[in-house]
């Protein structure tokens, strides 16, 4: 018999989850603004664009994990991610 799968409500207090969601949404908006305003003329701008696009993907994935109820669970080992790590890097998957 397998143990029931943990969900976000099992591992993260609601207040912390709400704050992390706000932080992720603000970071997503800031990255999108940077992308919208970035010139596309040289290698530096291209690299900057790639970094921001990757960050947006990670942020969106974290928000999707929140919506799915699996945020805060390591994708690799299924252990609970420490709160301090989530606070430092809210989009972390591990």
C-alpha atoms as a PDB file:
ATOM      1  CA  UNK A   1       0.000   0.000   0.000  1.00  0.00           C
ATOM      2  CA  UNK A   2       1.400   3.412  -0.951  1.00  0.00           C
ATOM      3  CA  UNK A   3       1.200   6.479   1.247  1.00  0.00           C
ATOM      4  CA  UNK A   4      -1.109   9.254   0.075  1.00  0.00           C
ATOM      5  CA  UNK A   5       0.683  11.914  -1.950  1.00  0.00           C
ATOM      6  CA  UNK A   6       1.421  15.092  -0.018  1.00  0.00           C
ATOM      7  CA  UNK A   7      -0.064  18.357  -1.171  1.00  0.00           C
ATOM      8  CA  UNK A   8       0.927  21.969  -0.684  1.00  0.00           C
ATOM      9  CA  UNK A   9      -1.543  22.355   2.172  1.00  0.00           C
ATOM     10  CA  UNK A  10       0.256  19.609   4.057  1.00  0.00           C
ATOM     11  CA  UNK A  11       3.653  21.297   3.971  1.00  0.00           C
ATOM     12  CA  UNK A  12       3.299  25.079   3.704  1.00  0.00           C
ATOM     13  CA  UNK A  13       1.231  27.350   5.947  1.00  0.00           C
ATOM     14  CA  UNK A  14      -1.440  29.245   4.007  1.00  0.00           C
ATOM     15  CA  UNK A  15      -0.007  32.658   4.925  1.00  0.00           C
ATOM     16  CA  UNK A  16       3.438  31.715   3.627  1.00  0.00           C
ATOM     17  CA  UNK A  17       1.991  30.235   0.465  1.00  0.00           C
ATOM     18  CA  UNK A  18       0.027  33.439  -0.207  1.00  0.00           C
ATOM     19  CA  UNK A  19       3.145  35.561   0.324  1.00  0.00           C
ATOM     20  CA  UNK A  20       5.242  33.347  -1.963  1.00  0.00           C
ATOM     21  CA  UNK A  21       2.543  33.506  -4.637  1.00  0.00           C
ATOM     22  CA  UNK A  22       2.585  37.306  -4.451  1.00  0.00           C
ATOM     23  CA  UNK A  23       6.385  37.322  -4.727  1.00  0.00           C
ATOM     24  CA  UNK A  24       6.313  34.988  -7.725  1.00  0.00           C
ATOM     25  CA  UNK A  25       3.631  37.028  -9.471  1.00  0.00           C
ATOM     26  CA  UNK A  26       5.567  40.263  -8.860  1.00  0.00           C
ATOM     27  CA  UNK A  27       8.769  38.653 -10.151  1.00  0.00           C
ATOM     28  CA  UNK A  28       6.921  37.393 -13.215  1.00  0.00           C
ATOM     29  CA  UNK A  29       5.551  40.866 -13.938  1.00  0.00           C
ATOM     30  CA  UNK A  30       8.986  42.456 -13.494  1.00  0.00           C
ATOM     31  CA  UNK A  31      10.674  39.923 -15.791  1.00  0.00           C
ATOM     32  CA  UNK A  32       7.975  40.370 -18.414  1.00  0.00           C
ATOM     33  CA  UNK A  33       8.409  44.149 -18.286  1.00  0.00           C
ATOM     34  CA  UNK A  34      12.159  43.741 -18.720  1.00  0.00           C
ATOM     35  CA  UNK A  35      11.575  41.517 -21.734  1.00  0.00           C
ATOM     36  CA  UNK A  36       9.074  43.922 -23.241  1.00  0.00           C
ATOM     37  CA  UNK A  37      11.491  46.823 -22.887  1.00  0.00           C
ATOM     38  CA  UNK A  38      14.736  45.041 -23.830  1.00  0.00           C
ATOM     39  CA  UNK A  39      16.378  45.875 -27.150  1.00  0.00           C
ATOM     40  CA  UNK A  40      17.115  42.940 -29.449  1.00  0.00           C
ATOM     41  CA  UNK A  41      20.152  44.325 -31.231  1.00  0.00           C
ATOM     42  CA  UNK A  42      23.270  42.672 -29.811  1.00  0.00           C
ATOM     43  CA  UNK A  43      24.634  39.549 -28.133  1.00  0.00           C
ATOM     44  CA  UNK A  44      24.318  41.013 -24.646  1.00  0.00           C
ATOM     45  CA  UNK A  45      20.655  41.842 -25.205  1.00  0.00           C
ATOM     46  CA  UNK A  46      20.083  38.371 -26.635  1.00  0.00           C
ATOM     47  CA  UNK A  47      21.688  36.733 -23.568  1.00  0.00           C
ATOM     48  CA  UNK A  48      19.698  38.996 -21.236  1.00  0.00           C
ATOM     49  CA  UNK A  49      16.537  37.984 -23.066  1.00  0.00           C
ATOM     50  CA  UNK A  50      17.322  34.273 -22.721  1.00  0.00           C
ATOM     51  CA  UNK A  51      17.970  34.633 -18.977  1.00  0.00           C
ATOM     52  CA  UNK A  52      14.664  36.442 -18.450  1.00  0.00           C
ATOM     53  CA  UNK A  53      12.744  33.930 -20.576  1.00  0.00           C
ATOM     54  CA  UNK A  54      14.180  31.026 -18.546  1.00  0.00           C
ATOM     55  CA  UNK A  55      13.318  32.821 -15.289  1.00  0.00           C
ATOM     56  CA  UNK A  56       9.753  33.365 -16.520  1.00  0.00           C
ATOM     57  CA  UNK A  57       9.429  29.659 -17.334  1.00  0.00           C
ATOM     58  CA  UNK A  58      10.595  28.727 -13.827  1.00  0.00           C
ATOM     59  CA  UNK A  59       8.231  31.220 -12.194  1.00  0.00           C
ATOM     60  CA  UNK A  60       5.267  30.061 -14.277  1.00  0.00           C
ATOM     61  CA  UNK A  61       6.082  26.438 -13.437  1.00  0.00           C
ATOM     62  CA  UNK A  62       6.136  27.283  -9.713  1.00  0.00           C
ATOM     63  CA  UNK A  63       2.749  28.988  -9.976  1.00  0.00           C
ATOM     64  CA  UNK A  64       1.400  25.942 -11.825  1.00  0.00           C
ATOM     65  CA  UNK A  65       2.702  23.687  -9.030  1.00  0.00           C
ATOM     66  CA  UNK A  66       0.888  25.915  -6.517  1.00  0.00           C
ATOM     67  CA  UNK A  67      -2.335  25.586  -8.498  1.00  0.00           C
ATOM     68  CA  UNK A  68      -1.854  21.815  -8.739  1.00  0.00           C
ATOM     69  CA  UNK A  69      -1.257  21.548  -4.986  1.00  0.00           C
ATOM     70  CA  UNK A  70       2.258  20.100  -5.272  1.00  0.00           C
ATOM     71  CA  UNK A  71       4.328  23.219  -4.597  1.00  0.00           C
ATOM     72  CA  UNK A  72       6.952  22.659  -1.909  1.00  0.00           C
ATOM     73  CA  UNK A  73       7.502  19.008  -2.779  1.00  0.00           C
ATOM     74  CA  UNK A  74      10.862  18.134  -4.375  1.00  0.00           C
ATOM     75  CA  UNK A  75      10.363  16.886  -7.926  1.00  0.00           C
ATOM     76  CA  UNK A  76      13.354  14.581  -7.603  1.00  0.00           C
ATOM     77  CA  UNK A  77      12.835  12.810  -4.264  1.00  0.00           C
ATOM     78  CA  UNK A  78       9.276  13.840  -3.262  1.00  0.00           C
ATOM     79  CA  UNK A  79      10.527  15.205   0.086  1.00  0.00           C
ATOM     80  CA  UNK A  80       9.290  18.463   1.539  1.00  0.00           C
ATOM     81  CA  UNK A  81      11.427  21.426   0.473  1.00  0.00           C
ATOM     82  CA  UNK A  82      12.567  23.407   3.500  1.00  0.00           C
ATOM     83  CA  UNK A  83      10.665  26.633   4.097  1.00  0.00           C
ATOM     84  CA  UNK A  84      13.890  28.662   4.198  1.00  0.00           C
ATOM     85  CA  UNK A  85      14.771  27.432   0.696  1.00  0.00           C
ATOM     86  CA  UNK A  86      11.320  28.293  -0.636  1.00  0.00           C
ATOM     87  CA  UNK A  87      11.590  31.754   0.871  1.00  0.00           C
ATOM     88  CA  UNK A  88      15.043  32.268  -0.672  1.00  0.00           C
ATOM     89  CA  UNK A  89      14.182  30.792  -4.078  1.00  0.00           C
ATOM     90  CA  UNK A  90      10.384  30.540  -4.385  1.00  0.00           C
ATOM     91  CA  UNK A  91      10.532  29.008  -7.855  1.00  0.00           C
ATOM     92  CA  UNK A  92      12.755  26.103  -6.756  1.00  0.00           C
ATOM     93  CA  UNK A  93      11.739  22.603  -7.772  1.00  0.00           C
ATOM     94  CA  UNK A  94      14.288  20.767  -5.612  1.00  0.00           C
END
